Amino acid sequence: MHPAFDVAAGTTATPITFVSKSSLSSAMDVLGSSSRQFAEAAGFKARPGQCLLLPSAKGGLENVLFGVEDESARWRDPFRPGQLPGLLPPGTYRFANAPHDARLATLAFALGSYRFSRYRKAEPLDVKLLLANELDAEDLSRMAEAASLARDLINVPANDMGPEQLADAARALADRFGAKFSCIVGEELLAKNFPLIHAVGKASSRAPRLIDFTWGEASHPKVTLVGKGVCFDTGGVDLKPASGMLIMKKDMGGAANVLALAQMIMDAKLKVRLRVLIPAVENAVAGNAFRPLDIYPSRKGPTVEIGNTDAEGRLVLADALALADEEKPDLLIDLGTLTGAARVALGPELPPFYTRDEALADDVARHARAEHDPLWRLPLWPPYDSWLDSKTADINNAPSGGFAGSITCALFLGRFVEPATRWLHVDIYGWTPSSKPARPEGGECQAARAIYKLVAERYG
């Protein structure tokens, strides 16, 4: 059970009353005269996110008023209650009335209780929510704990989260659920035909590797997850400016979210044969670093000309996707923090996704809405495919021109996945730039909850 939750029968819990501007008058009528006078004197207007602690006659805490958006509002944030753990004193609480979405509000409460305290002591939030009986406590805990895993992995700085440490985290997860784990390291990548992963990671003193684990019955449908694990991205020889490197510890966010997704799938015991592949590298600068206009073979066969060394994520994913595709999975999913173009187009909160499968696209969009895990479909636009052409190799990893960068990245990856494969690609950001309800600043779990629900629906 997630530490923010309490399910014990008979637990005394302070009520939290959700109030909007339109319901403020009726809410005040329900309060006792002293509480009503206190709320009026405190200037409580039910602004979204406004919180008021109402004292009892004996000096304790009698009630909590919390402002939410009106039902008629253009936008109602179902994660608004995620602010509460940071506003409430220690104790156990319960929802006295229904928020906009009780399940998402409860999840938001747990997500909002997250604190990253590895390097600086943080006072624990001794705030718990008594869960309503009709809610699935196990599933809510499963999703909240997975989000914490993704956030923790991303928030650890690169000096403590290199390819080896990322592999250790994956191994620990595999061991926890009895999965079969293996890892191909350093020069062995060349011997086993992963030239692009090796090329990107060879300049670092920390050897590149391909993390691989499998779980579940072999007879079950194959679901394969591939996560970009670039533990730090300098940009390589095409060096990023200092401002562009500030949060590049998050460039393994695809791997972190794939591990979070895998944890949910395994914990829920979904009837799949799960495989997780993570190419883990550091894109460093050294005398042996790969260079612009170098040409490398790929695992699948096509030769790749390097148009930009800062487009390294698609290179490591290409070899991993080719391996995944060789066993013809029922569903192949990759997540990666890949392009600034996706952020320019859709911002940090709305990752684009790509697929050739219309039914899969509809399901992804539906679950993204239901889980408040936003995703937006962009097209694998065929006319742009020719932009990847190279005069000296089969394909260029970063065409010049600067247009449609997220789309051309997806098209590049699509060259390494057979057209018949049911494939989903998500270009995540993996980071919350400034704190929002249930989403503290820092590493973020994106797309994993929506995809978990999709997989559960299909294979549960």
Protein backbone atom coordinates (compact mmCIF):
# COMPACT_ATOMS: atom_id res chain seq x y z
CA MET A 1 0.00 0.00 0.00
CA HIS A 2 1.29 3.45 -0.89
CA PRO A 3 2.34 5.33 2.28
CA ALA A 4 -0.06 8.19 1.48
CA PHE A 5 -3.05 5.83 1.74
CA ASP A 6 -4.94 4.39 4.70
CA VAL A 7 -7.63 1.73 4.42
CA ALA A 8 -8.04 0.74 8.04
CA ALA A 9 -11.67 0.48 9.09
CA GLY A 10 -12.68 2.74 11.94
CA THR A 11 -9.85 5.22 11.37
CA THR A 12 -10.71 8.72 12.51
CA ALA A 13 -10.20 11.05 9.56
CA THR A 14 -10.64 14.79 9.16
CA PRO A 15 -13.06 15.61 6.33
CA ILE A 16 -11.92 17.52 3.25
CA THR A 17 -14.78 19.40 1.63
CA PHE A 18 -14.38 20.39 -2.01
CA VAL A 19 -15.94 23.76 -2.76
CA SER A 20 -16.30 25.67 -6.03
CA LYS A 21 -17.40 29.27 -6.42
CA SER A 22 -20.88 28.11 -7.43
CA SER A 23 -21.22 25.79 -4.44
CA LEU A 24 -19.67 28.18 -1.90
CA SER A 25 -22.98 29.49 -0.57
CA SER A 26 -24.48 26.04 0.02
CA ALA A 27 -21.22 24.81 1.56
CA MET A 28 -21.26 27.72 4.00
CA ASP A 29 -24.84 26.91 4.96
CA VAL A 30 -23.79 23.40 6.02
CA LEU A 31 -21.03 24.68 8.28
CA GLY A 32 -21.73 25.55 11.87
CA SER A 33 -22.01 29.23 12.67
CA SER A 34 -18.53 29.51 14.18
CA SER A 35 -16.90 27.72 11.22
CA ARG A 36 -18.85 29.86 8.78
CA GLN A 37 -17.74 33.04 10.54
CA PHE A 38 -14.14 31.81 10.56
CA ALA A 39 -14.23 31.04 6.82
CA GLU A 40 -15.72 34.45 6.04
CA ALA A 41 -13.18 36.22 8.22
CA ALA A 42 -10.34 34.28 6.57
CA GLY A 43 -11.56 35.41 3.15
CA PHE A 44 -12.23 31.94 1.76
CA LYS A 45 -13.60 32.40 -1.78
CA ALA A 46 -13.19 28.84 -3.11
CA ARG A 47 -10.54 29.82 -5.61
CA PRO A 48 -9.08 26.68 -7.21
CA GLY A 49 -6.32 25.47 -4.92
CA GLN A 50 -7.33 27.67 -1.99
CA CYS A 51 -7.17 25.71 1.26
CA LEU A 52 -8.64 26.65 4.63
CA LEU A 53 -8.22 24.70 7.87
CA LEU A 54 -11.27 25.08 10.10
CA PRO A 55 -10.59 24.70 13.83
CA SER A 56 -12.92 22.93 16.17
CA ALA A 57 -14.25 24.47 19.38
CA LYS A 58 -11.65 22.48 21.33
CA GLY A 59 -8.75 23.76 19.23
CA GLY A 60 -8.36 20.76 16.98
CA LEU A 61 -8.94 20.50 13.26
CA GLU A 62 -12.61 20.08 12.38
CA ASN A 63 -12.72 20.39 8.60
CA VAL A 64 -10.70 21.38 5.55
CA LEU A 65 -12.18 23.49 2.77
CA PHE A 66 -10.47 23.16 -0.58
CA GLY A 67 -11.31 25.16 -3.69
CA VAL A 68 -11.84 23.47 -7.05
CA GLU A 69 -13.04 24.62 -10.46
CA ASP A 70 -16.74 24.96 -11.22
CA GLU A 71 -18.41 22.21 -13.21
CA SER A 72 -18.98 24.77 -15.97
CA ALA A 73 -15.33 25.86 -16.08
CA ARG A 74 -13.51 25.61 -19.39
CA TRP A 75 -10.80 23.53 -17.70
CA ARG A 76 -11.12 21.45 -14.54
CA ASP A 77 -7.89 19.97 -13.25
CA PRO A 78 -8.65 16.48 -11.90
CA PHE A 79 -5.22 16.53 -10.21
CA ARG A 80 -6.01 19.70 -8.21
CA PRO A 81 -6.22 17.67 -4.94
CA GLY A 82 -2.56 16.81 -5.46
CA GLN A 83 -1.78 20.12 -3.78
CA LEU A 84 -3.25 18.92 -0.48
CA PRO A 85 -0.33 16.89 0.95
CA GLY A 86 1.81 20.01 0.92
CA LEU A 87 -0.88 22.13 2.59
CA LEU A 88 -2.16 19.88 5.37
CA PRO A 89 -0.75 19.27 8.84
CA PRO A 90 0.08 15.67 9.84
CA GLY A 91 -2.97 13.48 10.16
CA THR A 92 -5.42 11.25 8.33
CA TYR A 93 -8.04 12.76 6.05
CA ARG A 94 -11.00 11.69 3.95
CA PHE A 95 -12.95 13.23 1.11
CA ALA A 96 -16.23 14.48 2.59
CA ASN A 97 -17.80 15.01 -0.82
CA ALA A 98 -16.97 14.02 -4.35
CA PRO A 99 -14.27 15.90 -6.24
CA HIS A 100 -14.53 16.08 -10.03
CA ASP A 101 -13.10 12.54 -10.33
CA ALA A 102 -12.66 10.65 -7.06
CA ARG A 103 -10.23 8.08 -8.48
CA LEU A 104 -7.93 10.62 -10.09
CA ALA A 105 -8.18 12.91 -7.07
CA THR A 106 -7.06 10.03 -4.85
CA LEU A 107 -4.18 9.21 -7.20
CA ALA A 108 -3.25 12.88 -7.28
CA PHE A 109 -3.07 12.94 -3.49
CA ALA A 110 -0.45 10.17 -3.60
CA LEU A 111 1.45 11.74 -6.50
CA GLY A 112 1.49 15.06 -4.67
CA SER A 113 3.05 13.47 -1.60
CA TYR A 114 6.24 12.60 -3.53
CA ARG A 115 9.50 14.03 -2.22
CA PHE A 116 13.03 13.41 -3.53
CA SER A 117 15.30 13.24 -0.49
CA ARG A 118 18.38 11.28 -1.56
CA TYR A 119 20.74 14.22 -1.21
CA ARG A 120 19.00 16.58 1.17
CA LYS A 121 17.04 15.68 4.23
CA ALA A 122 13.34 16.33 3.75
CA GLU A 123 10.77 16.18 6.48
CA PRO A 124 8.43 13.26 5.78
CA LEU A 125 4.87 14.21 4.97
CA ASP A 126 2.90 12.41 7.63
CA VAL A 127 -0.34 13.01 5.76
CA LYS A 128 -2.60 10.12 4.81
CA LEU A 129 -5.84 9.76 2.89
CA LEU A 130 -8.49 7.26 3.97
CA LEU A 131 -9.56 5.55 0.76
CA ALA A 132 -13.19 5.14 -0.18
CA ASN A 133 -14.28 1.50 -0.27
CA GLU A 134 -15.28 1.60 -3.92
CA LEU A 135 -11.78 2.52 -5.10
CA ASP A 136 -9.16 -0.03 -6.13
CA ALA A 137 -6.49 0.68 -3.53
CA GLU A 138 -4.02 -1.80 -5.01
CA ASP A 139 -4.18 -0.33 -8.50
CA LEU A 140 -3.92 3.25 -7.26
CA SER A 141 -0.91 2.29 -5.14
CA ARG A 142 0.61 0.47 -8.10
CA MET A 143 0.44 3.56 -10.30
CA ALA A 144 1.66 5.95 -7.60
CA GLU A 145 4.61 3.72 -6.71
CA ALA A 146 5.58 3.38 -10.37
CA ALA A 147 5.50 7.14 -10.76
CA SER A 148 7.83 7.46 -7.77
CA LEU A 149 10.23 4.98 -9.38
CA ALA A 150 10.37 6.97 -12.62
CA ARG A 151 10.78 10.27 -10.76
CA ASP A 152 13.52 8.91 -8.50
CA LEU A 153 15.54 7.51 -11.40
CA ILE A 154 15.32 10.74 -13.39
CA ASN A 155 16.08 12.98 -10.42
CA VAL A 156 19.34 11.23 -9.57
CA PRO A 157 22.20 13.23 -11.14
CA ALA A 158 24.36 11.69 -13.83
CA ASN A 159 27.38 11.18 -11.55
CA ASP A 160 25.27 8.61 -9.68
CA MET A 161 23.09 7.44 -12.60
CA GLY A 162 25.34 6.26 -15.39
CA PRO A 163 24.74 3.26 -17.66
CA GLU A 164 25.94 0.84 -14.96
CA GLN A 165 23.66 2.29 -12.28
CA LEU A 166 20.70 2.29 -14.66
CA ALA A 167 21.41 -1.38 -15.36
CA ASP A 168 21.55 -2.02 -11.60
CA ALA A 169 18.11 -0.42 -11.18
CA ALA A 170 16.71 -2.55 -14.00
CA ARG A 171 18.29 -5.68 -12.52
CA ALA A 172 16.79 -4.93 -9.11
CA LEU A 173 13.34 -4.59 -10.67
CA ALA A 174 13.80 -7.79 -12.69
CA ASP A 175 14.93 -9.69 -9.58
CA ARG A 176 11.96 -8.39 -7.59
CA PHE A 177 9.52 -10.02 -10.01
CA GLY A 178 11.56 -13.05 -11.01
CA ALA A 179 12.37 -11.83 -14.52
CA LYS A 180 15.31 -13.15 -16.54
CA PHE A 181 17.98 -10.43 -16.84
CA SER A 182 20.96 -9.97 -19.15
CA CYS A 183 23.20 -7.11 -20.19
CA ILE A 184 25.56 -6.67 -23.17
CA VAL A 185 28.42 -4.32 -22.27
CA GLY A 186 31.13 -2.38 -24.11
CA GLU A 187 32.92 -4.04 -27.02
CA GLU A 188 30.56 -7.01 -26.77
CA LEU A 189 27.96 -4.73 -28.39
CA LEU A 190 29.98 -4.86 -31.62
CA ALA A 191 30.41 -8.61 -31.40
CA LYS A 192 26.66 -9.03 -31.03
CA ASN A 193 25.77 -6.53 -33.76
CA PHE A 194 24.65 -3.38 -31.96
CA PRO A 195 26.93 -0.91 -33.77
CA LEU A 196 24.81 2.21 -33.26
CA ILE A 197 24.53 1.75 -29.49
CA HIS A 198 28.29 1.26 -29.33
CA ALA A 199 29.01 4.28 -31.54
CA VAL A 200 27.01 6.65 -29.34
CA GLY A 201 28.42 5.41 -26.05
CA LYS A 202 32.04 4.59 -26.86
CA ALA A 203 33.49 8.04 -25.99
CA SER A 204 32.41 7.81 -22.36
CA SER A 205 34.58 6.26 -19.65
CA ARG A 206 31.38 4.49 -18.60
CA ALA A 207 30.79 1.65 -21.04
CA PRO A 208 27.59 1.56 -23.09
CA ARG A 209 25.30 -1.41 -22.65
CA LEU A 210 22.04 -2.99 -23.73
CA ILE A 211 19.82 -3.97 -20.81
CA ASP A 212 17.43 -6.84 -21.53
CA PHE A 213 14.97 -8.68 -19.29
CA THR A 214 11.94 -10.88 -19.88
CA TRP A 215 9.04 -11.83 -17.64
CA GLY A 216 5.87 -13.88 -17.96
CA GLU A 217 4.74 -17.05 -19.67
CA ALA A 218 6.26 -17.65 -23.10
CA SER A 219 2.83 -18.63 -24.44
CA HIS A 220 1.30 -15.23 -23.61
CA PRO A 221 1.18 -12.37 -26.14
CA LYS A 222 4.55 -10.66 -26.51
CA VAL A 223 4.67 -7.04 -25.33
CA THR A 224 8.06 -5.38 -25.72
CA LEU A 225 9.07 -2.05 -24.17
CA VAL A 226 12.09 -0.08 -25.38
CA GLY A 227 13.36 2.93 -23.43
CA LYS A 228 15.98 5.50 -24.32
CA GLY A 229 18.65 5.37 -21.63
CA VAL A 230 21.01 8.25 -22.41
CA CYS A 231 22.24 8.91 -18.88
CA PHE A 232 23.73 12.26 -19.83
CA ASP A 233 23.72 14.02 -23.17
CA THR A 234 26.42 16.58 -23.89
CA GLY A 235 25.30 16.64 -27.51
CA GLY A 236 28.55 14.94 -28.44
CA VAL A 237 30.82 16.72 -30.94
CA ASP A 238 27.79 18.86 -31.85
CA LEU A 239 28.05 20.16 -28.30
CA LYS A 240 25.00 21.59 -26.57
CA PRO A 241 25.26 25.06 -25.03
CA ALA A 242 25.49 25.14 -21.24
CA SER A 243 21.81 26.03 -20.96
CA GLY A 244 20.92 22.96 -23.01
CA MET A 245 22.79 20.64 -20.65
CA LEU A 246 21.25 21.82 -17.38
CA ILE A 247 18.67 19.04 -17.13
CA MET A 248 20.29 16.47 -19.41
CA LYS A 249 20.37 14.03 -16.52
CA LYS A 250 16.75 13.49 -17.58
CA ASP A 251 17.74 12.11 -20.99
CA MET A 252 17.27 8.61 -19.62
CA GLY A 253 13.64 9.49 -18.89
CA GLY A 254 12.41 7.05 -21.52
CA ALA A 255 14.19 4.21 -19.72
CA ALA A 256 12.86 5.38 -16.35
CA ASN A 257 9.30 5.44 -17.61
CA VAL A 258 9.67 2.07 -19.32
CA LEU A 259 10.81 0.61 -15.99
CA ALA A 260 7.83 2.23 -14.26
CA LEU A 261 5.51 0.75 -16.90
CA ALA A 262 7.16 -2.66 -16.56
CA GLN A 263 6.73 -2.51 -12.78
CA MET A 264 3.00 -1.89 -13.14
CA ILE A 265 2.57 -4.69 -15.67
CA MET A 266 4.46 -7.22 -13.57
CA ASP A 267 2.88 -6.16 -10.28
CA ALA A 268 -0.58 -6.51 -11.82
CA LYS A 269 0.38 -9.96 -13.18
CA LEU A 270 -0.96 -9.14 -16.63
CA LYS A 271 -1.06 -12.07 -18.99
CA VAL A 272 1.78 -11.03 -21.28
CA ARG A 273 5.27 -12.17 -22.05
CA LEU A 274 7.02 -8.90 -21.28
CA ARG A 275 10.40 -7.91 -22.65
CA VAL A 276 12.23 -4.73 -21.66
CA LEU A 277 15.12 -3.36 -23.72
CA ILE A 278 17.11 -0.31 -22.64
CA PRO A 279 20.14 0.93 -24.56
CA ALA A 280 22.07 2.71 -21.79
CA VAL A 281 24.82 5.11 -22.83
CA GLU A 282 26.43 8.44 -22.07
CA ASN A 283 26.84 10.76 -25.05
CA ALA A 284 30.26 12.19 -24.19
CA VAL A 285 33.01 14.09 -25.99
CA ALA A 286 36.43 12.49 -26.47
CA GLY A 287 38.94 11.73 -29.19
CA ASN A 288 37.08 8.58 -30.18
CA ALA A 289 33.60 10.17 -30.21
CA PHE A 290 31.42 9.66 -33.26
CA ARG A 291 31.40 12.67 -35.57
CA PRO A 292 29.12 14.46 -38.04
CA LEU A 293 29.15 12.71 -41.44
CA ASP A 294 30.52 9.47 -39.98
CA ILE A 295 28.67 6.45 -41.36
CA TYR A 296 27.81 3.38 -39.32
CA PRO A 297 25.99 0.15 -40.05
CA SER A 298 22.90 -0.64 -38.02
CA ARG A 299 21.71 -3.91 -36.59
CA LYS A 300 18.88 -4.07 -39.10
CA GLY A 301 21.24 -3.46 -42.02
CA PRO A 302 20.78 0.08 -43.41
CA THR A 303 23.82 2.32 -43.08
CA VAL A 304 23.33 5.55 -41.14
CA GLU A 305 25.05 8.85 -41.85
CA ILE A 306 25.42 11.08 -38.80
CA GLY A 307 23.82 14.42 -39.58
CA ASN A 308 24.07 15.54 -35.95
CA THR A 309 25.65 13.85 -32.94
CA ASP A 310 22.99 15.44 -30.73
CA ALA A 311 20.37 13.23 -32.39
CA GLU A 312 21.83 10.25 -30.57
CA GLY A 313 18.69 8.90 -28.91
CA ARG A 314 17.18 7.70 -32.16
CA LEU A 315 20.42 5.88 -32.97
CA VAL A 316 20.47 3.77 -29.81
CA LEU A 317 16.73 3.14 -30.08
CA ALA A 318 17.15 2.02 -33.71
CA ASP A 319 19.34 -0.96 -32.76
CA ALA A 320 17.12 -1.86 -29.81
CA LEU A 321 13.94 -1.63 -31.88
CA ALA A 322 15.49 -3.81 -34.57
CA LEU A 323 16.23 -6.48 -31.96
CA ALA A 324 12.74 -6.20 -30.50
CA ASP A 325 11.14 -6.49 -33.92
CA GLU A 326 13.02 -9.69 -34.76
CA GLU A 327 10.73 -11.75 -32.53
CA LYS A 328 7.57 -10.15 -33.94
CA PRO A 329 5.93 -8.93 -30.71
CA ASP A 330 2.20 -8.46 -30.50
CA LEU A 331 2.82 -4.90 -29.31
CA LEU A 332 6.06 -2.90 -29.48
CA ILE A 333 6.32 0.36 -27.53
CA ASP A 334 9.21 2.79 -27.26
CA LEU A 335 9.53 5.83 -25.02
CA GLY A 336 12.25 8.44 -25.23
CA THR A 337 13.13 12.04 -24.47
CA LEU A 338 13.97 12.68 -28.08
CA THR A 339 13.28 16.07 -29.62
CA GLY A 340 13.05 19.71 -28.67
CA ALA A 341 10.71 20.02 -31.62
CA ALA A 342 8.05 18.10 -29.69
CA ARG A 343 8.32 20.61 -26.86
CA VAL A 344 8.10 23.55 -29.25
CA ALA A 345 4.98 22.06 -30.83
CA LEU A 346 3.15 20.77 -27.73
CA GLY A 347 5.01 21.97 -24.65
CA PRO A 348 6.36 19.90 -21.74
CA GLU A 349 3.04 18.42 -20.56
CA LEU A 350 1.69 16.95 -23.79
CA PRO A 351 3.97 14.33 -25.40
CA PRO A 352 3.23 13.39 -29.02
CA PHE A 353 2.74 9.76 -29.96
CA TYR A 354 2.98 7.99 -33.30
CA THR A 355 1.58 4.74 -34.63
CA ARG A 356 0.52 3.16 -37.91
CA ASP A 357 -2.34 1.31 -36.20
CA GLU A 358 -5.61 3.26 -36.08
CA ALA A 359 -7.21 1.10 -33.41
CA LEU A 360 -4.13 1.42 -31.23
CA ALA A 361 -4.15 5.21 -31.73
CA ASP A 362 -7.76 5.41 -30.60
CA ASP A 363 -7.06 3.30 -27.53
CA VAL A 364 -4.00 5.33 -26.55
CA ALA A 365 -5.92 8.60 -26.83
CA ARG A 366 -8.86 7.20 -24.83
CA HIS A 367 -6.69 5.96 -21.96
CA ALA A 368 -4.62 9.15 -21.94
CA ARG A 369 -7.80 11.14 -21.36
CA ALA A 370 -9.18 8.75 -18.76
CA GLU A 371 -5.94 8.67 -16.77
CA HIS A 372 -5.13 12.38 -17.07
CA ASP A 373 -1.83 11.26 -18.61
CA PRO A 374 -1.98 13.55 -21.65
CA LEU A 375 -0.82 12.38 -25.09
CA TRP A 376 -1.50 13.79 -28.55
CA ARG A 377 -1.18 11.95 -31.83
CA LEU A 378 1.05 13.37 -34.55
CA PRO A 379 1.30 11.81 -38.02
CA LEU A 380 3.96 9.58 -39.52
CA TRP A 381 3.72 11.86 -42.54
CA PRO A 382 4.96 9.90 -45.61
CA PRO A 383 6.04 12.91 -47.73
CA TYR A 384 8.63 13.80 -45.07
CA ASP A 385 10.23 10.38 -45.24
CA SER A 386 12.41 11.49 -48.16
CA TRP A 387 14.00 14.13 -45.91
CA LEU A 388 15.93 11.27 -44.27
CA ASP A 389 17.72 10.46 -47.53
CA SER A 390 21.52 10.57 -47.56
CA LYS A 391 23.82 10.96 -50.56
CA THR A 392 26.39 8.60 -49.10
CA ALA A 393 24.44 6.18 -46.86
CA ASP A 394 21.01 4.58 -46.70
CA ILE A 395 19.63 7.10 -44.20
CA ASN A 396 20.60 10.27 -42.30
CA ASN A 397 19.82 10.50 -38.60
CA ALA A 398 19.14 14.27 -38.58
CA PRO A 399 18.11 15.93 -41.83
CA SER A 400 18.96 19.57 -42.29
CA GLY A 401 16.20 22.17 -42.49
CA GLY A 402 14.86 22.07 -38.95
CA PHE A 403 11.24 21.38 -39.90
CA ALA A 404 9.03 18.71 -38.23
CA GLY A 405 11.82 17.40 -36.01
CA SER A 406 9.66 15.09 -33.92
CA ILE A 407 7.97 13.65 -37.01
CA THR A 408 11.25 12.99 -38.83
CA CYS A 409 12.62 11.32 -35.70
CA ALA A 410 9.58 9.03 -35.61
CA LEU A 411 9.98 8.30 -39.33
CA PHE A 412 13.65 7.45 -38.72
CA LEU A 413 12.70 4.96 -36.01
CA GLY A 414 9.99 3.55 -38.24
CA ARG A 415 12.69 2.44 -40.69
CA PHE A 416 13.82 -0.10 -38.09
CA VAL A 417 10.38 -1.57 -37.37
CA GLU A 418 8.60 -3.74 -39.91
CA PRO A 419 5.38 -2.16 -41.25
CA ALA A 420 3.33 -5.13 -40.06
CA THR A 421 4.39 -4.59 -36.43
CA ARG A 422 1.89 -2.97 -34.06
CA TRP A 423 4.21 -0.19 -32.90
CA LEU A 424 3.76 2.83 -30.64
CA HIS A 425 6.39 5.57 -30.33
CA VAL A 426 6.11 8.31 -27.68
CA ASP A 427 8.37 11.39 -27.62
CA ILE A 428 8.19 12.30 -23.91
CA TYR A 429 9.76 15.17 -21.98
CA GLY A 430 10.09 13.35 -18.65
CA TRP A 431 10.33 16.54 -16.62
CA THR A 432 8.06 19.05 -14.89
CA PRO A 433 9.68 22.50 -15.26
CA SER A 434 7.69 24.09 -12.42
CA SER A 435 5.51 22.50 -9.77
CA LYS A 436 1.87 21.83 -10.52
CA PRO A 437 -0.80 19.90 -8.58
CA ALA A 438 0.43 16.31 -8.11
CA ARG A 439 3.50 17.06 -10.24
CA PRO A 440 6.43 18.48 -8.29
CA GLU A 441 9.25 20.12 -10.21
CA GLY A 442 11.72 17.54 -11.52
CA GLY A 443 11.58 14.12 -13.10
CA GLU A 444 8.13 13.04 -14.27
CA CYS A 445 6.27 9.88 -15.13
CA GLN A 446 4.74 10.47 -18.56
CA ALA A 447 2.73 8.10 -20.77
CA ALA A 448 3.38 5.09 -18.51
CA ARG A 449 0.04 5.13 -16.69
CA ALA A 450 -1.99 5.50 -19.88
CA ILE A 451 -0.08 2.69 -21.59
CA TYR A 452 -0.38 0.47 -18.51
CA LYS A 453 -4.16 0.82 -18.65
CA LEU A 454 -4.12 0.06 -22.37
CA VAL A 455 -2.08 -3.11 -21.83
CA ALA A 456 -4.28 -4.10 -18.87
CA GLU A 457 -7.40 -3.70 -20.98
CA ARG A 458 -6.00 -5.78 -23.81
CA TYR A 459 -4.23 -8.48 -21.81
CA GLY A 460 -5.57 -8.27 -18.25
